[in-house]
């Protein structure tokens, strides 16, 4: 008999009832060190006082009006994002999946309005993840994402991640854009090297096509810059963000240059809930904290400490772990044993990690994790590794 909650998840046997900073409290009282942060969502941890205050204040004032009217909180957050990024304009969504839908529409509408309706094709890469909508799964193209959900939305060319020589020849008169994650998240925490991002930007400029970056998982301070592409010194034309921008409240956005967004006029896109006062009030509080250079400097310092300790952990368990990779507080440990076994052993040792492709566990702690909590995390991961190798 089917459960009342549609059984599309293999859920862990855990029920969390409270969160405090980097900690989750299970119904039985156990305290888990949370290195998953709701899959890079709780950027400032659980129940951060500034976010709690912003949400409570807004909840006591106004929840929802719809986008038929001006929303001051939405305007304030849009201004903060524009001031802190390459973008000239922002559209707010409720999720990264919705952001992907708009990014695809925006790129295609841009060329339609330019008199090139044939330019609809978007180049994407193996190992990518762009959400689970029709456009998102078609963009990723993997059998795991698409099997049983045909016919797929056309207009995507899939290339092997890292095959630089294949990109330029794949660009045709029908190509509208290249879409890529600066750091693949679901794919196994695999960064795109800075020189490769620079090369993609140069190639898009040379060919006259748009560059779309998916920073849903790697954005909002996760890599130690406000946005991951900043490490490469480039700017996209369109960018998707979500997860961390709401600090746990459902919120996403598409950021774009005025040129790239020029086709999106009144009536071309919409959202009933996107950019509601509640979400934008919390998002503004997140931005006030995460965009502070001193905060980002701390993320980088703690990232260095975590990587150093992870390298030591791997050296201690060469039969369990292979390597660590990533950027900032977005780390992945490639395993030599099934990564699911390591995640499960972590549960037994009261530490949360997240599985990914390429037999990798993800470490995506709140950006507010302390040095002491990093040391405790290593102890618990060490215990998990001992359990797996026993």
Protein backbone atom coordinates (compact mmCIF):
# COMPACT_ATOMS: atom_id res chain seq x y z
CA UNK A 1 0.00 0.00 0.00
CA UNK A 2 1.34 3.42 -0.94
CA UNK A 3 2.22 5.79 1.88
CA UNK A 4 0.44 9.11 2.39
CA UNK A 5 3.73 10.84 1.50
CA UNK A 6 4.62 9.88 -2.07
CA UNK A 7 7.54 7.42 -1.69
CA UNK A 8 10.05 9.09 -4.02
CA UNK A 9 12.78 9.20 -1.34
CA UNK A 10 14.72 6.45 0.39
CA UNK A 11 14.64 8.30 3.67
CA UNK A 12 17.16 7.66 6.43
CA UNK A 13 15.64 6.31 9.69
CA UNK A 14 16.01 9.70 11.36
CA UNK A 15 13.44 12.25 12.48
CA UNK A 16 14.86 15.62 13.45
CA UNK A 17 12.72 17.84 15.63
CA UNK A 18 14.99 20.79 16.36
CA UNK A 19 18.06 22.56 15.01
CA UNK A 20 20.62 24.72 16.77
CA UNK A 21 23.41 26.23 14.69
CA UNK A 22 25.41 23.32 13.26
CA UNK A 23 23.44 20.74 15.27
CA UNK A 24 20.30 18.71 14.63
CA UNK A 25 18.39 17.07 17.47
CA UNK A 26 16.70 13.74 16.75
CA UNK A 27 13.34 12.82 18.26
CA UNK A 28 15.15 10.47 20.65
CA UNK A 29 17.37 13.30 21.88
CA UNK A 30 20.60 12.46 20.01
CA UNK A 31 22.58 15.48 18.80
CA UNK A 32 23.90 15.19 15.25
CA UNK A 33 26.64 17.37 13.80
CA UNK A 34 25.10 18.57 10.54
CA UNK A 35 27.60 18.57 7.67
CA UNK A 36 24.83 18.57 5.08
CA UNK A 37 22.96 21.78 6.00
CA UNK A 38 19.86 20.55 4.21
CA UNK A 39 21.97 20.06 1.05
CA UNK A 40 23.76 23.43 1.23
CA UNK A 41 20.56 25.27 2.18
CA UNK A 42 21.08 26.25 5.82
CA UNK A 43 23.99 28.54 5.02
CA UNK A 44 23.83 30.19 8.44
CA UNK A 45 22.90 27.07 10.33
CA UNK A 46 19.67 26.24 12.10
CA UNK A 47 17.57 28.90 13.84
CA UNK A 48 20.05 31.72 13.22
CA UNK A 49 18.78 34.63 15.33
CA UNK A 50 18.95 37.21 12.53
CA UNK A 51 16.91 35.00 10.20
CA UNK A 52 14.45 34.04 12.93
CA UNK A 53 13.93 37.72 13.72
CA UNK A 54 13.50 38.70 10.06
CA UNK A 55 10.95 35.94 9.48
CA UNK A 56 9.05 36.63 12.68
CA UNK A 57 8.88 40.37 12.07
CA UNK A 58 7.63 39.85 8.53
CA UNK A 59 5.17 37.12 9.55
CA UNK A 60 3.61 39.55 12.00
CA UNK A 61 3.23 42.15 9.26
CA UNK A 62 2.41 40.67 5.83
CA UNK A 63 2.84 37.22 4.27
CA UNK A 64 1.66 37.39 0.68
CA UNK A 65 0.15 39.74 -1.86
CA UNK A 66 1.27 38.24 -5.23
CA UNK A 67 3.36 39.90 -7.90
CA UNK A 68 0.42 41.93 -9.12
CA UNK A 69 1.66 44.59 -6.73
CA UNK A 70 4.96 46.12 -5.64
CA UNK A 71 6.68 44.18 -2.84
CA UNK A 72 9.12 46.35 -0.86
CA UNK A 73 11.01 43.37 0.57
CA UNK A 74 11.51 41.99 -2.95
CA UNK A 75 12.83 45.32 -4.19
CA UNK A 76 15.24 45.55 -1.26
CA UNK A 77 16.67 42.08 -1.88
CA UNK A 78 16.92 42.64 -5.64
CA UNK A 79 18.86 45.84 -5.00
CA UNK A 80 21.27 44.00 -2.69
CA UNK A 81 21.87 41.25 -5.25
CA UNK A 82 22.39 43.71 -8.10
CA UNK A 83 24.78 45.81 -6.01
CA UNK A 84 26.81 42.73 -5.05
CA UNK A 85 26.97 40.99 -8.43
CA UNK A 86 27.28 41.28 -12.20
CA UNK A 87 23.51 41.47 -12.58
CA UNK A 88 21.28 44.34 -13.58
CA UNK A 89 18.00 42.62 -12.77
CA UNK A 90 16.60 39.74 -10.70
CA UNK A 91 13.53 37.49 -10.87
CA UNK A 92 12.62 35.62 -7.69
CA UNK A 93 11.49 32.01 -7.58
CA UNK A 94 10.83 29.46 -4.84
CA UNK A 95 13.53 26.97 -5.82
CA UNK A 96 16.53 26.23 -7.99
CA UNK A 97 14.37 24.11 -10.26
CA UNK A 98 12.16 27.10 -11.03
CA UNK A 99 15.25 29.21 -11.58
CA UNK A 100 16.42 26.71 -14.21
CA UNK A 101 13.11 26.95 -16.03
CA UNK A 102 13.42 30.72 -16.30
CA UNK A 103 17.10 30.65 -17.27
CA UNK A 104 16.26 28.38 -20.21
CA UNK A 105 13.28 30.52 -21.22
CA UNK A 106 15.27 33.72 -20.90
CA UNK A 107 18.09 32.51 -23.14
CA UNK A 108 15.70 31.32 -25.84
CA UNK A 109 13.52 34.42 -25.67
CA UNK A 110 16.60 36.60 -25.99
CA UNK A 111 17.41 35.13 -29.36
CA UNK A 112 13.80 35.07 -30.51
CA UNK A 113 13.55 38.81 -29.92
CA UNK A 114 16.86 39.30 -31.73
CA UNK A 115 15.34 37.74 -34.83
CA UNK A 116 16.98 34.34 -34.42
CA UNK A 117 14.19 31.96 -33.37
CA UNK A 118 16.34 29.04 -34.50
CA UNK A 119 18.83 29.66 -31.68
CA UNK A 120 17.29 27.45 -29.00
CA UNK A 121 19.99 24.87 -28.30
CA UNK A 122 21.77 24.91 -24.95
CA UNK A 123 25.03 23.03 -24.37
CA UNK A 124 25.26 21.14 -21.06
CA UNK A 125 27.63 18.63 -19.48
CA UNK A 126 27.63 15.11 -18.10
CA UNK A 127 27.35 14.84 -14.34
CA UNK A 128 25.31 18.03 -14.16
CA UNK A 129 22.19 18.57 -12.09
CA UNK A 130 19.77 21.39 -12.86
CA UNK A 131 16.66 20.33 -10.97
CA UNK A 132 13.88 17.85 -11.68
CA UNK A 133 11.55 19.81 -13.93
CA UNK A 134 11.12 18.93 -17.58
CA UNK A 135 13.76 21.45 -18.59
CA UNK A 136 16.07 20.46 -15.73
CA UNK A 137 16.14 16.75 -16.50
CA UNK A 138 16.45 17.39 -20.21
CA UNK A 139 19.40 19.67 -19.52
CA UNK A 140 21.16 17.05 -17.39
CA UNK A 141 20.27 14.26 -19.80
CA UNK A 142 21.39 11.31 -17.66
CA UNK A 143 19.38 8.10 -17.77
CA UNK A 144 18.90 8.28 -14.00
CA UNK A 145 17.15 11.62 -14.39
CA UNK A 146 15.21 11.03 -17.59
CA UNK A 147 14.20 7.34 -17.70
CA UNK A 148 10.44 6.99 -17.91
CA UNK A 149 9.77 10.70 -18.28
CA UNK A 150 9.80 11.05 -22.07
CA UNK A 151 9.29 12.67 -24.43
CA UNK A 152 12.07 14.94 -23.27
CA UNK A 153 12.15 18.65 -23.92
CA UNK A 154 14.35 19.11 -26.99
CA UNK A 155 17.04 21.70 -27.50
CA UNK A 156 19.94 20.42 -25.39
CA UNK A 157 23.35 19.19 -26.53
CA UNK A 158 25.12 17.03 -23.95
CA UNK A 159 28.92 16.98 -23.79
CA UNK A 160 31.32 15.07 -21.57
CA UNK A 161 32.43 17.13 -18.58
CA UNK A 162 36.07 18.11 -19.03
CA UNK A 163 36.23 17.44 -22.78
CA UNK A 164 37.44 20.90 -23.76
CA UNK A 165 38.05 20.00 -27.38
CA UNK A 166 34.40 19.05 -27.92
CA UNK A 167 32.88 22.38 -26.92
CA UNK A 168 33.73 24.71 -29.80
CA UNK A 169 32.75 22.20 -32.52
CA UNK A 170 29.42 21.64 -30.75
CA UNK A 171 28.44 25.29 -31.17
CA UNK A 172 26.24 25.71 -34.24
CA UNK A 173 24.00 28.37 -35.74
CA UNK A 174 21.25 26.99 -33.48
CA UNK A 175 23.20 27.39 -30.22
CA UNK A 176 21.77 29.87 -27.74
CA UNK A 177 23.91 29.31 -24.65
CA UNK A 178 26.24 27.16 -22.57
CA UNK A 179 24.93 26.08 -19.15
CA UNK A 180 27.32 24.84 -16.46
CA UNK A 181 27.78 24.59 -12.69
CA UNK A 182 31.07 26.19 -11.55
CA UNK A 183 31.23 23.34 -9.04
CA UNK A 184 29.20 20.23 -9.79
CA UNK A 185 27.30 19.34 -6.64
CA UNK A 186 25.23 16.23 -7.26
CA UNK A 187 27.94 15.14 -9.68
CA UNK A 188 30.43 14.67 -6.84
CA UNK A 189 31.78 18.11 -5.83
CA UNK A 190 33.84 18.59 -8.96
CA UNK A 191 35.05 22.17 -9.55
CA UNK A 192 35.49 23.63 -13.00
CA UNK A 193 39.07 24.98 -12.99
CA UNK A 194 39.28 28.78 -13.14
CA UNK A 195 41.07 28.71 -16.49
CA UNK A 196 38.27 26.58 -17.93
CA UNK A 197 35.59 29.02 -16.79
CA UNK A 198 37.66 31.81 -18.34
CA UNK A 199 37.86 29.76 -21.52
CA UNK A 200 34.09 29.23 -21.60
CA UNK A 201 33.50 32.95 -21.14
CA UNK A 202 35.93 33.75 -23.95
CA UNK A 203 34.34 31.12 -26.20
CA UNK A 204 30.85 32.48 -25.58
CA UNK A 205 32.06 35.98 -26.39
CA UNK A 206 33.81 34.75 -29.53
CA UNK A 207 30.75 32.85 -30.75
CA UNK A 208 28.25 35.46 -29.60
CA UNK A 209 26.26 33.16 -27.33
CA UNK A 210 25.14 33.42 -23.69
CA UNK A 211 26.86 31.90 -20.65
CA UNK A 212 24.47 30.59 -18.00
CA UNK A 213 25.89 29.58 -14.62
CA UNK A 214 24.03 27.31 -12.22
CA UNK A 215 25.13 28.46 -8.76
CA UNK A 216 22.18 26.94 -6.93
CA UNK A 217 24.47 24.79 -4.76
CA UNK A 218 27.84 26.56 -5.00
CA UNK A 219 26.64 30.17 -4.65
CA UNK A 220 25.88 32.46 -1.70
CA UNK A 221 29.25 32.23 0.05
CA UNK A 222 29.60 28.46 -0.18
CA UNK A 223 33.03 28.59 -1.89
CA UNK A 224 34.36 31.57 0.05
CA UNK A 225 33.27 34.14 -2.54
CA UNK A 226 29.71 35.42 -2.69
CA UNK A 227 29.44 33.55 -5.99
CA UNK A 228 31.78 30.80 -7.16
CA UNK A 229 32.48 32.30 -10.60
CA UNK A 230 34.18 35.26 -8.93
CA UNK A 231 37.26 33.07 -8.29
CA UNK A 232 37.79 32.93 -12.07
CA UNK A 233 37.31 36.67 -12.52
CA UNK A 234 34.49 36.24 -15.02
CA UNK A 235 30.84 37.25 -15.24
CA UNK A 236 27.97 35.20 -16.69
CA UNK A 237 25.04 36.59 -18.65
CA UNK A 238 22.46 34.65 -16.62
CA UNK A 239 22.85 32.95 -13.25
CA UNK A 240 20.62 30.67 -11.19
CA UNK A 241 20.77 30.80 -7.39
CA UNK A 242 18.68 29.21 -4.63
CA UNK A 243 19.42 26.99 -1.59
CA UNK A 244 21.63 29.21 0.59
CA UNK A 245 19.99 32.49 -0.45
CA UNK A 246 16.99 31.72 1.76
CA UNK A 247 18.99 30.25 4.62
CA UNK A 248 16.36 27.52 4.93
CA UNK A 249 13.33 29.42 3.65
CA UNK A 250 12.31 28.37 0.11
CA UNK A 251 13.78 31.02 -2.16
CA UNK A 252 15.54 31.14 -5.50
CA UNK A 253 16.42 33.72 -8.11
CA UNK A 254 17.63 34.29 -11.63
CA UNK A 255 20.15 37.10 -11.98
CA UNK A 256 20.85 38.55 -15.41
CA UNK A 257 22.39 41.41 -17.32
CA UNK A 258 20.03 43.92 -18.88
CA UNK A 259 20.98 42.61 -22.32
CA UNK A 260 20.33 38.94 -21.53
CA UNK A 261 17.01 39.76 -19.89
CA UNK A 262 15.83 42.08 -22.66
CA UNK A 263 13.29 39.60 -24.01
CA UNK A 264 11.53 39.13 -20.68
CA UNK A 265 8.84 41.78 -20.77
CA UNK A 266 5.50 42.00 -18.94
CA UNK A 267 3.55 38.75 -19.30
CA UNK A 268 6.46 36.56 -20.43
CA UNK A 269 7.00 34.90 -17.04
CA UNK A 270 5.46 34.85 -13.59
CA UNK A 271 5.22 33.23 -10.19
CA UNK A 272 2.45 33.32 -7.61
CA UNK A 273 4.73 32.85 -4.61
CA UNK A 274 8.12 33.86 -5.99
CA UNK A 275 9.55 36.91 -4.24
CA UNK A 276 6.94 36.90 -1.47
CA UNK A 277 7.55 39.18 1.54
CA UNK A 278 8.46 36.30 3.87
CA UNK A 279 11.12 34.79 1.62
CA UNK A 280 12.63 38.11 0.64
CA UNK A 281 12.80 39.37 4.22
CA UNK A 282 14.82 36.29 5.16
CA UNK A 283 16.92 36.52 1.98
CA UNK A 284 17.82 40.11 2.79
CA UNK A 285 19.01 39.04 6.23
CA UNK A 286 21.11 36.30 4.64
CA UNK A 287 22.68 38.74 2.19
CA UNK A 288 23.52 41.24 4.92
CA UNK A 289 25.61 38.58 6.65
CA UNK A 290 27.05 36.49 3.81
CA UNK A 291 28.10 39.40 1.58
CA UNK A 292 30.30 40.87 4.33
CA UNK A 293 33.97 40.48 3.27
CA UNK A 294 34.93 39.62 6.85
CA UNK A 295 32.40 36.79 6.89
CA UNK A 296 33.69 35.43 3.58
CA UNK A 297 37.27 35.65 4.86
CA UNK A 298 36.23 33.46 7.78
CA UNK A 299 34.64 30.96 5.39
CA UNK A 300 37.96 30.71 3.55
CA UNK A 301 39.94 30.32 6.75
CA UNK A 302 37.66 27.58 8.03
CA UNK A 303 37.70 25.91 4.62
CA UNK A 304 41.49 25.68 4.81
CA UNK A 305 41.29 24.18 8.28
CA UNK A 306 38.66 21.64 7.21
CA UNK A 307 40.62 20.59 4.12
CA UNK A 308 43.81 20.16 6.14
CA UNK A 309 42.02 17.93 8.63
CA UNK A 310 40.27 15.97 5.87
CA UNK A 311 43.61 15.28 4.19
CA UNK A 312 44.80 13.84 7.50
CA UNK A 313 41.63 11.75 7.80
CA UNK A 314 42.14 10.31 4.33
CA UNK A 315 45.75 9.47 5.15
CA UNK A 316 44.53 7.62 8.26
CA UNK A 317 41.98 5.59 6.27
CA UNK A 318 43.47 4.84 2.82
CA UNK A 319 41.24 1.75 2.56
CA UNK A 320 38.07 3.86 2.94
CA UNK A 321 38.86 7.23 1.34
CA UNK A 322 40.59 8.17 -1.90
CA UNK A 323 40.77 11.97 -2.12
CA UNK A 324 39.18 15.25 -1.12
CA UNK A 325 38.15 17.94 -3.58
CA UNK A 326 35.99 21.03 -3.70
CA UNK A 327 36.07 24.72 -2.93
CA UNK A 328 35.43 26.62 0.28
CA UNK A 329 33.00 24.81 2.56
CA UNK A 330 31.81 22.68 -0.35
CA UNK A 331 33.94 19.57 0.05
CA UNK A 332 33.64 16.09 -1.38
CA UNK A 333 35.44 12.95 -0.26
CA UNK A 334 35.69 10.28 -2.93
CA UNK A 335 35.42 6.87 -1.30
CA UNK A 336 36.93 3.47 -2.02
CA UNK A 337 34.01 1.72 -0.30
CA UNK A 338 30.38 2.44 -1.26
CA UNK A 339 29.76 6.03 -0.22
CA UNK A 340 26.33 5.06 1.08
CA UNK A 341 28.04 2.85 3.65
CA UNK A 342 30.06 5.84 4.88
CA UNK A 343 26.94 8.00 5.10
CA UNK A 344 25.13 5.27 7.06
CA UNK A 345 28.10 4.81 9.40
CA UNK A 346 28.02 8.55 9.94
CA UNK A 347 24.42 8.28 11.10
CA UNK A 348 25.53 5.72 13.67
CA UNK A 349 28.16 8.17 14.87
CA UNK A 350 25.84 11.18 14.96
CA UNK A 351 27.23 13.05 11.96
CA UNK A 352 25.34 13.98 8.79
CA UNK A 353 26.92 13.83 5.33
CA UNK A 354 25.24 13.73 1.92
CA UNK A 355 25.90 11.17 -0.84
CA UNK A 356 26.67 12.23 -4.40
CA UNK A 357 27.74 10.72 -7.70
CA UNK A 358 31.25 9.41 -8.38
CA UNK A 359 31.07 7.51 -5.05
CA UNK A 360 31.47 10.75 -3.14
CA UNK A 361 30.18 12.03 0.18
CA UNK A 362 29.45 15.72 0.38
CA UNK A 363 30.43 17.94 3.30
CA UNK A 364 28.32 21.10 3.08
CA UNK A 365 28.29 22.44 6.65
CA UNK A 366 26.73 25.72 7.67
CA UNK A 367 29.13 28.54 6.84
CA UNK A 368 28.96 29.43 10.54
CA UNK A 369 30.59 26.15 11.67
CA UNK A 370 33.21 26.75 14.37
CA UNK A 371 36.78 25.47 14.58
CA UNK A 372 35.75 23.26 17.49
CA UNK A 373 32.89 21.80 15.48
CA UNK A 374 35.26 21.09 12.58
CA UNK A 375 37.50 19.14 14.96
CA UNK A 376 34.48 17.26 16.32
CA UNK A 377 33.34 16.50 12.77
CA UNK A 378 36.69 14.89 11.98
CA UNK A 379 36.45 12.75 15.13
CA UNK A 380 33.01 11.50 14.16
CA UNK A 381 34.02 10.87 10.54
CA UNK A 382 37.04 8.98 11.85
CA UNK A 383 34.73 6.77 13.92
CA UNK A 384 32.52 6.23 10.89
CA UNK A 385 35.54 5.23 8.80
CA UNK A 386 36.67 2.75 11.46
CA UNK A 387 33.18 1.23 11.47
CA UNK A 388 33.17 0.82 7.68
CA UNK A 389 36.62 -0.78 7.57
CA UNK A 390 36.03 -3.08 10.55
